[in-house]
């Protein structure tokens, strides 16, 4: 049989008898003691239905997809596609595509315009693929070294990538590339997070 807690009577008029003190031991028995009611296990309260344990094949695929090589390859392919689309777009709005500088009055044919658009698209695609692979690989290495996943990884890897690209033109260009790419990476990371 469970003991029932009696309600505390309201205080009487001033000068009357004091109400009895609360019995904390009974209250504790209901909150943390043997008389506490266990809560029903509800998977929805924990964020959804728990998933079954993963097989070794699933773990192997996850490790492969989280590797630096896979991330760099994915960024390379994504950069190639994005760069190609950007190159074709910029060539499409450029009024000088297909024109021959030796004969500026000759109207270019559609074949010449498409050839120039393809060349520019391929050039942009290669550049974007290289930059994407460099940045992704550098970010993965920095994240593995630091053991954290935060905004500092993208800033550090942006500085390394921008500095490496700009360093081909000299030290000053490398420093400017480091700062510019790091600032751009920080802005993108801030926007995405």
Protein backbone atom coordinates (compact mmCIF):
# COMPACT_ATOMS: atom_id res chain seq x y z
CA UNK A 1 0.00 0.00 0.00
CA UNK A 2 1.25 3.45 -0.95
CA UNK A 3 1.11 6.13 1.71
CA UNK A 4 -1.02 9.06 0.65
CA UNK A 5 0.28 12.57 1.22
CA UNK A 6 -2.23 14.69 3.00
CA UNK A 7 -2.87 18.18 1.80
CA UNK A 8 -1.51 20.89 4.04
CA UNK A 9 -4.34 22.83 5.61
CA UNK A 10 -4.32 26.58 5.04
CA UNK A 11 -2.81 28.63 7.82
CA UNK A 12 -5.20 29.75 10.45
CA UNK A 13 -5.72 33.26 11.62
CA UNK A 14 -2.75 35.15 13.03
CA UNK A 15 -1.78 33.82 16.39
CA UNK A 16 -3.38 30.45 15.59
CA UNK A 17 -1.63 27.07 15.34
CA UNK A 18 1.17 26.65 12.72
CA UNK A 19 0.59 24.28 9.77
CA UNK A 20 2.49 20.97 9.99
CA UNK A 21 5.86 20.92 8.13
CA UNK A 22 6.14 19.09 4.80
CA UNK A 23 7.40 15.59 5.07
CA UNK A 24 10.37 15.66 2.70
CA UNK A 25 11.12 11.99 3.05
CA UNK A 26 7.71 11.12 1.62
CA UNK A 27 8.20 13.62 -1.21
CA UNK A 28 11.63 12.16 -2.01
CA UNK A 29 10.18 8.66 -2.11
CA UNK A 30 7.82 9.80 -4.88
CA UNK A 31 10.51 11.69 -6.82
CA UNK A 32 13.58 9.44 -6.60
CA UNK A 33 12.71 6.58 -4.26
CA UNK A 34 10.98 3.25 -4.59
CA UNK A 35 7.56 4.79 -5.19
CA UNK A 36 8.71 6.71 -8.26
CA UNK A 37 6.84 5.72 -11.40
CA UNK A 38 9.18 4.71 -14.24
CA UNK A 39 8.67 6.63 -17.46
CA UNK A 40 7.69 4.64 -20.51
CA UNK A 41 10.49 4.40 -23.08
CA UNK A 42 9.51 6.56 -26.03
CA UNK A 43 11.88 6.50 -29.03
CA UNK A 44 10.24 9.61 -30.49
CA UNK A 45 11.42 11.58 -27.44
CA UNK A 46 15.01 10.61 -28.27
CA UNK A 47 14.82 11.94 -31.83
CA UNK A 48 13.30 9.02 -33.70
CA UNK A 49 13.34 5.30 -33.90
CA UNK A 50 16.77 3.86 -33.13
CA UNK A 51 18.51 2.28 -36.09
CA UNK A 52 19.79 -1.28 -36.05
CA UNK A 53 23.53 -1.85 -35.61
CA UNK A 54 25.60 -1.30 -38.75
CA UNK A 55 27.22 -4.15 -40.60
CA UNK A 56 30.93 -4.25 -41.38
CA UNK A 57 30.23 -3.41 -45.04
CA UNK A 58 28.27 -0.30 -44.03
CA UNK A 59 31.07 0.79 -41.72
CA UNK A 60 33.64 0.23 -44.48
CA UNK A 61 31.60 2.33 -46.94
CA UNK A 62 31.21 5.11 -44.36
CA UNK A 63 34.97 5.12 -43.68
CA UNK A 64 35.67 5.31 -47.43
CA UNK A 65 33.21 8.18 -47.91
CA UNK A 66 34.71 10.11 -44.99
CA UNK A 67 38.28 9.69 -46.23
CA UNK A 68 40.24 12.66 -47.52
CA UNK A 69 40.75 11.03 -50.92
CA UNK A 70 37.00 10.60 -51.49
CA UNK A 71 36.26 14.16 -50.37
CA UNK A 72 38.97 15.52 -52.66
CA UNK A 73 37.71 13.46 -55.62
CA UNK A 74 34.13 14.59 -54.99
CA UNK A 75 35.22 18.24 -54.81
CA UNK A 76 37.26 17.77 -57.99
CA UNK A 77 34.27 16.40 -59.91
CA UNK A 78 31.94 19.04 -58.49
CA UNK A 79 34.43 21.81 -59.32
CA UNK A 80 34.83 20.47 -62.85
CA UNK A 81 31.08 20.52 -63.46
CA UNK A 82 30.56 23.92 -61.84
CA UNK A 83 33.58 25.44 -63.60
CA UNK A 84 32.48 24.08 -66.96
CA UNK A 85 29.01 25.56 -66.53
CA UNK A 86 30.47 28.88 -65.40
CA UNK A 87 32.90 28.96 -68.31
CA UNK A 88 30.19 28.26 -70.89
CA UNK A 89 27.96 30.89 -69.28
CA UNK A 90 30.66 33.60 -69.33
CA UNK A 91 31.54 32.71 -72.90
CA UNK A 92 27.88 32.96 -73.83
CA UNK A 93 27.59 36.54 -72.62
CA UNK A 94 30.99 37.62 -73.96
CA UNK A 95 30.55 39.54 -77.20
CA UNK A 96 34.07 38.76 -78.40
CA UNK A 97 33.71 34.97 -78.46
CA UNK A 98 34.57 33.55 -81.87
CA UNK A 99 35.96 36.79 -83.29
CA UNK A 100 39.31 36.73 -85.03
CA UNK A 101 41.56 39.65 -83.93
CA UNK A 102 43.26 39.63 -87.36
CA UNK A 103 39.94 40.20 -89.16
CA UNK A 104 37.58 42.02 -86.74
CA UNK A 105 34.93 42.71 -89.41
CA UNK A 106 34.27 39.05 -90.21
CA UNK A 107 31.26 37.54 -88.47
CA UNK A 108 32.15 34.26 -86.72
CA UNK A 109 30.26 31.10 -87.61
CA UNK A 110 28.24 29.15 -85.07
CA UNK A 111 30.87 26.41 -85.14
CA UNK A 112 33.62 28.87 -84.18
CA UNK A 113 31.52 30.37 -81.37
CA UNK A 114 30.70 26.91 -79.97
CA UNK A 115 34.36 25.90 -80.21
CA UNK A 116 35.44 28.97 -78.22
CA UNK A 117 32.69 28.37 -75.66
CA UNK A 118 33.83 24.77 -75.24
CA UNK A 119 37.47 25.79 -74.84
CA UNK A 120 36.60 28.39 -72.22
CA UNK A 121 34.29 25.96 -70.40
CA UNK A 122 37.03 23.30 -70.33
CA UNK A 123 39.60 25.81 -69.09
CA UNK A 124 37.33 26.99 -66.26
CA UNK A 125 36.38 23.39 -65.45
CA UNK A 126 40.02 22.35 -65.01
CA UNK A 127 40.81 25.37 -62.83
CA UNK A 128 37.75 24.91 -60.61
CA UNK A 129 38.49 21.18 -60.28
CA UNK A 130 42.07 21.84 -59.16
CA UNK A 131 41.04 24.51 -56.65
CA UNK A 132 38.19 22.36 -55.30
CA UNK A 133 40.42 19.32 -54.86
CA UNK A 134 43.18 21.38 -53.20
CA UNK A 135 40.78 23.07 -50.79
CA UNK A 136 38.90 19.90 -49.89
CA UNK A 137 42.02 17.83 -49.36
CA UNK A 138 43.67 20.58 -47.29
CA UNK A 139 40.54 21.04 -45.17
CA UNK A 140 40.30 17.30 -44.53
CA UNK A 141 43.96 17.12 -43.47
CA UNK A 142 43.59 20.17 -41.20
CA UNK A 143 40.43 18.72 -39.66
CA UNK A 144 42.14 15.37 -39.06
CA UNK A 145 45.16 17.08 -37.51
CA UNK A 146 43.11 19.37 -35.23
CA UNK A 147 40.51 16.75 -34.35
CA UNK A 148 37.73 19.36 -34.53
CA UNK A 149 35.15 20.35 -37.11
CA UNK A 150 34.66 24.11 -36.91
CA UNK A 151 35.07 27.30 -38.93
CA UNK A 152 38.81 27.50 -38.25
CA UNK A 153 39.45 24.49 -40.50
CA UNK A 154 38.01 26.21 -43.56
CA UNK A 155 39.87 29.46 -42.82
CA UNK A 156 43.20 27.66 -42.40
CA UNK A 157 42.70 25.53 -45.50
CA UNK A 158 41.51 28.58 -47.45
CA UNK A 159 44.68 30.42 -46.52
CA UNK A 160 46.86 27.46 -47.51
CA UNK A 161 45.04 26.95 -50.83
CA UNK A 162 44.92 30.64 -51.73
CA UNK A 163 48.55 31.10 -50.74
CA UNK A 164 49.66 28.11 -52.82
CA UNK A 165 47.77 29.36 -55.87
CA UNK A 166 48.95 32.95 -55.48
CA UNK A 167 52.55 31.99 -54.64
CA UNK A 168 53.14 31.06 -58.30
CA UNK A 169 53.05 34.81 -59.05
CA UNK A 170 55.29 35.77 -56.13
CA UNK A 171 55.33 36.22 -52.38
CA UNK A 172 53.06 39.27 -52.33
CA UNK A 173 50.46 37.52 -54.49
CA UNK A 174 50.70 34.49 -52.22
CA UNK A 175 49.98 36.57 -49.12
CA UNK A 176 47.07 38.33 -50.83
CA UNK A 177 45.73 34.99 -52.07
CA UNK A 178 46.00 33.55 -48.56
CA UNK A 179 44.09 36.43 -47.01
CA UNK A 180 41.48 36.64 -49.74
CA UNK A 181 40.74 32.94 -49.90
CA UNK A 182 40.66 32.68 -46.09
CA UNK A 183 38.17 35.56 -45.87
CA UNK A 184 36.03 34.02 -48.61
CA UNK A 185 36.11 30.64 -46.86
CA UNK A 186 35.14 32.23 -43.55
CA UNK A 187 32.22 34.05 -45.18
CA UNK A 188 30.97 30.90 -46.90
CA UNK A 189 31.36 28.87 -43.70
CA UNK A 190 29.51 31.52 -41.69
CA UNK A 191 26.70 31.58 -44.24
CA UNK A 192 26.37 27.78 -44.42
CA UNK A 193 26.51 27.20 -40.67
